[in-house]
Amino acid sequence: MQAVFVGAALVLLNLFAFILFGVDKSRAQRGAWRISERALLLSAACFGGTGALLGMRVFRHKTKHRAFTVSAPVAAAISIAAALYVTMM
C-alpha cells in the first residue's frame, strides 16, 4: 500500500514539473511574468525529471540552455529509477 502512495507522489511531481514548463512557455510567448529557472530546475530535481524532460520536448522550451539539457535527463533517469524501485518493492 505504501508503494502506491509513493508511486502516486512521483506521478504528481512529474505532472507538476510538466505543467510548470508549459506555463512558463506560455508566459514567455505573451511577455508576461515568468517562472524562475531556479524553480524549473528545482521541480526537475525533486523527482520531477521525467515531467520536466517531457515538458521541454513537448513545449520546445529551455532546450538550448545547458543547465536544462544536462540536468533534465539526469533527473529523469533518477526519477525513472525511483519509480522502478517502488514497483519492485
N, C-alpha and C. Protein backbone atom coordinates (compact mmCIF):
# COMPACT_ATOMS: atom_id res chain seq x y z
N MET A 1 0.82 -1.19 0.00
CA MET A 1 0.00 0.00 0.00
C MET A 1 0.86 1.26 0.00
N GLN A 2 1.97 1.21 0.72
CA GLN A 2 2.85 2.37 0.77
C GLN A 2 3.46 2.66 -0.60
N ALA A 3 3.73 1.61 -1.38
CA ALA A 3 4.29 1.79 -2.72
C ALA A 3 3.32 2.54 -3.62
N VAL A 4 2.03 2.34 -3.42
CA VAL A 4 1.02 3.04 -4.21
C VAL A 4 1.09 4.53 -3.94
N PHE A 5 1.24 4.91 -2.69
CA PHE A 5 1.33 6.33 -2.34
C PHE A 5 2.60 6.97 -2.88
N VAL A 6 3.70 6.25 -2.81
CA VAL A 6 4.96 6.76 -3.33
C VAL A 6 4.87 6.90 -4.85
N GLY A 7 4.30 5.90 -5.50
CA GLY A 7 4.11 5.97 -6.95
C GLY A 7 3.22 7.13 -7.37
N ALA A 8 2.15 7.34 -6.61
CA ALA A 8 1.25 8.46 -6.90
C ALA A 8 1.96 9.80 -6.70
N ALA A 9 2.81 9.88 -5.68
CA ALA A 9 3.56 11.11 -5.44
C ALA A 9 4.53 11.39 -6.59
N LEU A 10 5.18 10.34 -7.10
CA LEU A 10 6.08 10.51 -8.24
C LEU A 10 5.33 11.00 -9.47
N VAL A 11 4.16 10.45 -9.71
CA VAL A 11 3.35 10.88 -10.86
C VAL A 11 2.96 12.34 -10.69
N LEU A 12 2.52 12.72 -9.50
CA LEU A 12 2.12 14.11 -9.27
C LEU A 12 3.28 15.08 -9.41
N LEU A 13 4.45 14.71 -8.91
CA LEU A 13 5.63 15.58 -9.04
C LEU A 13 6.01 15.77 -10.50
N ASN A 14 5.94 14.71 -11.27
CA ASN A 14 6.27 14.81 -12.70
C ASN A 14 5.21 15.62 -13.45
N LEU A 15 3.96 15.45 -13.10
CA LEU A 15 2.90 16.24 -13.72
C LEU A 15 3.06 17.72 -13.39
N PHE A 16 3.43 18.01 -12.15
CA PHE A 16 3.66 19.39 -11.72
C PHE A 16 4.80 20.01 -12.52
N ALA A 17 5.90 19.29 -12.69
CA ALA A 17 7.04 19.80 -13.46
C ALA A 17 6.64 20.03 -14.91
N PHE A 18 5.89 19.12 -15.49
CA PHE A 18 5.43 19.26 -16.87
C PHE A 18 4.57 20.51 -17.04
N ILE A 19 3.64 20.70 -16.13
CA ILE A 19 2.76 21.87 -16.18
C ILE A 19 3.56 23.15 -16.00
N LEU A 20 4.54 23.15 -15.11
CA LEU A 20 5.38 24.35 -14.92
C LEU A 20 6.07 24.77 -16.21
N PHE A 21 6.61 23.81 -16.94
CA PHE A 21 7.27 24.13 -18.20
C PHE A 21 6.28 24.69 -19.21
N GLY A 22 5.08 24.13 -19.25
CA GLY A 22 4.06 24.64 -20.16
C GLY A 22 3.61 26.04 -19.81
N VAL A 23 3.42 26.30 -18.53
CA VAL A 23 3.01 27.63 -18.09
C VAL A 23 4.10 28.65 -18.38
N ASP A 24 5.35 28.29 -18.13
CA ASP A 24 6.45 29.21 -18.38
C ASP A 24 6.57 29.51 -19.88
N LYS A 25 6.39 28.53 -20.72
CA LYS A 25 6.44 28.75 -22.17
C LYS A 25 5.32 29.69 -22.61
N SER A 26 4.14 29.47 -22.08
CA SER A 26 3.01 30.33 -22.41
C SER A 26 3.26 31.77 -21.98
N ARG A 27 3.79 31.93 -20.80
CA ARG A 27 4.10 33.28 -20.30
C ARG A 27 5.22 33.93 -21.11
N ALA A 28 6.17 33.14 -21.56
CA ALA A 28 7.27 33.68 -22.37
C ALA A 28 6.73 34.21 -23.69
N GLN A 29 5.79 33.50 -24.28
CA GLN A 29 5.22 33.93 -25.55
C GLN A 29 4.39 35.21 -25.41
N ARG A 30 3.76 35.38 -24.26
CA ARG A 30 2.95 36.57 -24.03
C ARG A 30 3.75 37.74 -23.46
N GLY A 31 4.99 37.49 -23.07
CA GLY A 31 5.80 38.54 -22.47
C GLY A 31 5.38 38.84 -21.04
N ALA A 32 4.76 37.88 -20.38
CA ALA A 32 4.28 38.06 -19.01
C ALA A 32 5.36 37.64 -18.02
N TRP A 33 5.04 37.79 -16.73
CA TRP A 33 5.93 37.39 -15.64
C TRP A 33 6.24 35.91 -15.78
N ARG A 34 7.51 35.54 -15.62
CA ARG A 34 7.97 34.18 -15.88
C ARG A 34 8.25 33.42 -14.59
N ILE A 35 8.27 32.13 -14.71
CA ILE A 35 8.69 31.25 -13.62
C ILE A 35 10.21 31.21 -13.66
N SER A 36 10.84 31.34 -12.52
CA SER A 36 12.31 31.41 -12.49
C SER A 36 12.93 30.09 -12.94
N GLU A 37 14.13 30.20 -13.52
CA GLU A 37 14.85 28.99 -13.93
C GLU A 37 15.16 28.13 -12.72
N ARG A 38 15.39 28.77 -11.60
CA ARG A 38 15.66 28.04 -10.36
C ARG A 38 14.48 27.14 -9.99
N ALA A 39 13.27 27.68 -10.11
CA ALA A 39 12.07 26.91 -9.78
C ALA A 39 11.89 25.75 -10.76
N LEU A 40 12.17 26.00 -12.04
CA LEU A 40 12.05 24.93 -13.03
C LEU A 40 13.06 23.82 -12.77
N LEU A 41 14.29 24.20 -12.48
CA LEU A 41 15.32 23.20 -12.18
C LEU A 41 15.01 22.45 -10.89
N LEU A 42 14.50 23.16 -9.91
CA LEU A 42 14.15 22.52 -8.64
C LEU A 42 13.01 21.52 -8.83
N SER A 43 12.05 21.86 -9.68
CA SER A 43 10.95 20.92 -9.94
C SER A 43 11.47 19.65 -10.61
N ALA A 44 12.49 19.80 -11.45
CA ALA A 44 13.09 18.62 -12.08
C ALA A 44 13.89 17.81 -11.07
N ALA A 45 14.61 18.49 -10.20
CA ALA A 45 15.47 17.82 -9.23
C ALA A 45 14.68 17.07 -8.16
N CYS A 46 13.49 17.51 -7.87
CA CYS A 46 12.67 16.88 -6.82
C CYS A 46 11.81 15.77 -7.41
N PHE A 47 12.46 14.81 -8.07
CA PHE A 47 11.82 13.65 -8.66
C PHE A 47 10.79 13.99 -9.72
N GLY A 48 10.93 15.16 -10.36
CA GLY A 48 10.05 15.53 -11.46
C GLY A 48 10.81 15.59 -12.78
N GLY A 49 11.89 14.87 -12.87
CA GLY A 49 12.76 14.92 -14.04
C GLY A 49 12.10 14.46 -15.32
N THR A 50 11.30 13.42 -15.24
CA THR A 50 10.63 12.91 -16.44
C THR A 50 9.63 13.92 -16.95
N GLY A 51 8.87 14.51 -16.05
CA GLY A 51 7.91 15.54 -16.44
C GLY A 51 8.60 16.76 -17.01
N ALA A 52 9.73 17.13 -16.43
CA ALA A 52 10.49 18.29 -16.93
C ALA A 52 11.03 18.00 -18.32
N LEU A 53 11.57 16.81 -18.52
CA LEU A 53 12.12 16.45 -19.82
C LEU A 53 11.02 16.40 -20.88
N LEU A 54 9.89 15.82 -20.53
CA LEU A 54 8.76 15.81 -21.47
C LEU A 54 8.25 17.22 -21.74
N GLY A 55 8.21 18.06 -20.70
CA GLY A 55 7.79 19.44 -20.88
C GLY A 55 8.73 20.21 -21.81
N MET A 56 10.02 19.95 -21.67
CA MET A 56 10.99 20.59 -22.56
C MET A 56 10.74 20.19 -24.00
N ARG A 57 10.46 18.93 -24.23
CA ARG A 57 10.27 18.43 -25.60
C ARG A 57 8.92 18.86 -26.18
N VAL A 58 7.86 18.67 -25.41
CA VAL A 58 6.51 18.98 -25.90
C VAL A 58 6.35 20.47 -26.18
N PHE A 59 6.80 21.30 -25.24
CA PHE A 59 6.61 22.74 -25.37
C PHE A 59 7.78 23.43 -26.07
N ARG A 60 8.83 22.66 -26.40
CA ARG A 60 10.05 23.21 -27.01
C ARG A 60 10.54 24.41 -26.20
N HIS A 61 10.76 24.15 -24.94
CA HIS A 61 11.10 25.21 -24.01
C HIS A 61 12.37 24.85 -23.24
N LYS A 62 13.29 25.81 -23.17
CA LYS A 62 14.57 25.67 -22.45
C LYS A 62 15.45 24.58 -23.06
N THR A 63 15.30 24.33 -24.34
CA THR A 63 16.06 23.26 -24.99
C THR A 63 17.47 23.68 -25.38
N LYS A 64 17.78 24.97 -25.30
CA LYS A 64 19.12 25.43 -25.67
C LYS A 64 19.95 25.85 -24.47
N HIS A 65 19.39 25.74 -23.29
CA HIS A 65 20.11 26.10 -22.06
C HIS A 65 20.82 24.86 -21.52
N ARG A 66 22.13 24.95 -21.41
CA ARG A 66 22.91 23.79 -20.98
C ARG A 66 22.46 23.27 -19.62
N ALA A 67 22.11 24.16 -18.72
CA ALA A 67 21.67 23.72 -17.38
C ALA A 67 20.48 22.78 -17.48
N PHE A 68 19.60 23.02 -18.45
CA PHE A 68 18.42 22.19 -18.61
C PHE A 68 18.69 20.95 -19.45
N THR A 69 19.50 21.09 -20.49
CA THR A 69 19.75 19.94 -21.36
C THR A 69 20.60 18.87 -20.67
N VAL A 70 21.31 19.26 -19.62
CA VAL A 70 22.10 18.29 -18.86
C VAL A 70 21.32 17.77 -17.66
N SER A 71 20.74 18.68 -16.89
CA SER A 71 20.11 18.27 -15.64
C SER A 71 18.78 17.54 -15.83
N ALA A 72 18.00 17.90 -16.83
CA ALA A 72 16.70 17.25 -17.02
C ALA A 72 16.84 15.76 -17.34
N PRO A 73 17.72 15.36 -18.27
CA PRO A 73 17.86 13.91 -18.49
C PRO A 73 18.40 13.15 -17.28
N VAL A 74 19.32 13.77 -16.54
CA VAL A 74 19.85 13.13 -15.33
C VAL A 74 18.73 12.98 -14.30
N ALA A 75 17.95 14.04 -14.11
CA ALA A 75 16.84 13.98 -13.16
C ALA A 75 15.78 12.98 -13.62
N ALA A 76 15.57 12.88 -14.94
CA ALA A 76 14.62 11.91 -15.47
C ALA A 76 15.08 10.49 -15.18
N ALA A 77 16.37 10.24 -15.35
CA ALA A 77 16.90 8.90 -15.07
C ALA A 77 16.73 8.55 -13.59
N ILE A 78 16.97 9.50 -12.73
CA ILE A 78 16.79 9.27 -11.29
C ILE A 78 15.33 9.03 -10.97
N SER A 79 14.44 9.81 -11.59
CA SER A 79 13.01 9.65 -11.36
C SER A 79 12.52 8.28 -11.85
N ILE A 80 12.99 7.86 -13.01
CA ILE A 80 12.60 6.55 -13.53
C ILE A 80 13.16 5.43 -12.65
N ALA A 81 14.39 5.59 -12.20
CA ALA A 81 14.97 4.59 -11.29
C ALA A 81 14.18 4.51 -9.99
N ALA A 82 13.75 5.64 -9.48
CA ALA A 82 12.94 5.65 -8.26
C ALA A 82 11.61 4.95 -8.49
N ALA A 83 10.99 5.21 -9.65
CA ALA A 83 9.71 4.56 -9.96
C ALA A 83 9.88 3.05 -10.09
N LEU A 84 10.97 2.63 -10.72
CA LEU A 84 11.22 1.19 -10.84
C LEU A 84 11.47 0.54 -9.49
N TYR A 85 12.20 1.25 -8.64
CA TYR A 85 12.47 0.75 -7.29
C TYR A 85 11.15 0.56 -6.52
N VAL A 86 10.27 1.55 -6.66
CA VAL A 86 8.98 1.47 -5.94
C VAL A 86 8.16 0.30 -6.45
N THR A 87 8.15 0.07 -7.76
CA THR A 87 7.36 -1.02 -8.30
C THR A 87 7.91 -2.38 -7.91
N MET A 88 9.21 -2.45 -7.61
CA MET A 88 9.81 -3.73 -7.23
C MET A 88 9.70 -4.00 -5.74
N MET A 89 9.24 -3.06 -4.98
CA MET A 89 9.12 -3.24 -3.53
C MET A 89 8.05 -4.25 -3.20
